[in-house]
Protein backbone atom coordinates (compact mmCIF):
# COMPACT_ATOMS: atom_id res chain seq x y z
CA MET A 1 49.58 -108.56 113.53
CA VAL A 2 51.52 -107.03 116.42
CA LEU A 3 51.17 -103.25 116.52
CA GLY A 4 50.87 -100.30 118.83
CA ARG A 5 52.01 -100.71 122.39
CA ASP A 6 53.18 -104.29 122.18
CA PRO A 7 56.33 -104.36 124.32
CA ARG A 8 58.06 -106.63 121.79
CA LEU A 9 57.63 -104.01 119.07
CA ILE A 10 58.85 -101.23 121.35
CA GLN A 11 61.88 -103.32 122.30
CA PHE A 12 62.64 -104.05 118.63
CA LEU A 13 62.41 -100.37 117.75
CA GLN A 14 64.72 -99.36 120.58
CA GLU A 15 67.25 -102.18 120.44
CA GLU A 16 67.44 -103.01 116.74
CA LEU A 17 66.69 -99.63 115.16
CA ALA A 18 67.93 -97.33 117.96
CA VAL A 19 64.69 -95.30 118.02
CA SER A 20 64.61 -93.13 121.11
CA ALA A 21 61.95 -93.48 123.78
CA ALA A 22 60.94 -89.86 123.16
CA SER A 23 60.39 -90.55 119.45
CA ILE A 24 58.30 -93.62 120.22
CA GLU A 25 56.21 -91.71 122.75
CA MET A 26 55.56 -88.90 120.27
CA ALA A 27 54.58 -91.43 117.59
CA MET A 28 52.25 -93.20 120.03
CA ARG A 29 50.45 -89.92 120.67
CA ARG A 30 50.03 -89.45 116.92
CA GLU A 31 48.86 -93.06 116.59
CA ASP A 32 46.24 -92.41 119.29
CA SER A 33 44.95 -89.42 117.32
CA GLY A 34 44.29 -91.65 114.31
CA GLN A 35 47.32 -90.86 112.18
CA GLY A 36 48.03 -94.52 111.49
CA PRO A 37 49.90 -97.45 113.00
CA LEU A 38 53.07 -96.78 114.99
CA PRO A 39 55.60 -97.87 112.32
CA MET A 40 53.96 -95.68 109.70
CA VAL A 41 53.84 -92.68 112.04
CA LEU A 42 57.54 -93.11 112.83
CA TRP A 43 58.34 -93.17 109.11
CA ARG A 44 55.98 -90.31 108.24
CA TYR A 45 57.69 -88.04 110.77
CA GLY A 46 61.16 -89.01 109.59
CA LEU A 47 62.02 -90.92 112.76
CA ILE A 48 62.87 -94.09 110.82
CA SER A 49 64.01 -94.54 107.23
CA LEU A 50 62.18 -96.46 104.54
CA ASP A 51 64.71 -99.27 104.95
CA GLN A 52 64.00 -99.37 108.68
CA LEU A 53 60.26 -99.40 107.99
CA ASP A 54 60.81 -102.45 105.76
CA ARG A 55 62.72 -104.09 108.62
CA VAL A 56 59.82 -103.38 111.00
CA PHE A 57 57.31 -104.97 108.63
CA ALA A 58 59.57 -108.00 108.11
CA TRP A 59 59.88 -108.35 111.89
CA LEU A 60 56.11 -108.02 112.31
CA GLU A 61 55.55 -110.78 109.73
CA ARG A 62 57.98 -113.10 111.56
CA VAL A 63 56.33 -112.43 114.93
CA ASP A 64 52.86 -112.85 113.46
CA ALA A 65 53.84 -116.14 111.80
CA ALA A 66 55.29 -117.44 115.07
CA ASN A 67 52.00 -116.86 116.90
């Protein structure tokens, strides 16, 4: 499964969900400290909604299936 610093995930977050670069950077720091995968950290800190989190997981499944 695609996670973390995969540029495709970052691009999806920024272009499809309008998550700011600053929010992604903060979430990556939290991810590095063991607080969970990037999408979960974004949701946990209120940077994406539950609906957006579902969209991320659906996107991840499509990307994973294509590989």
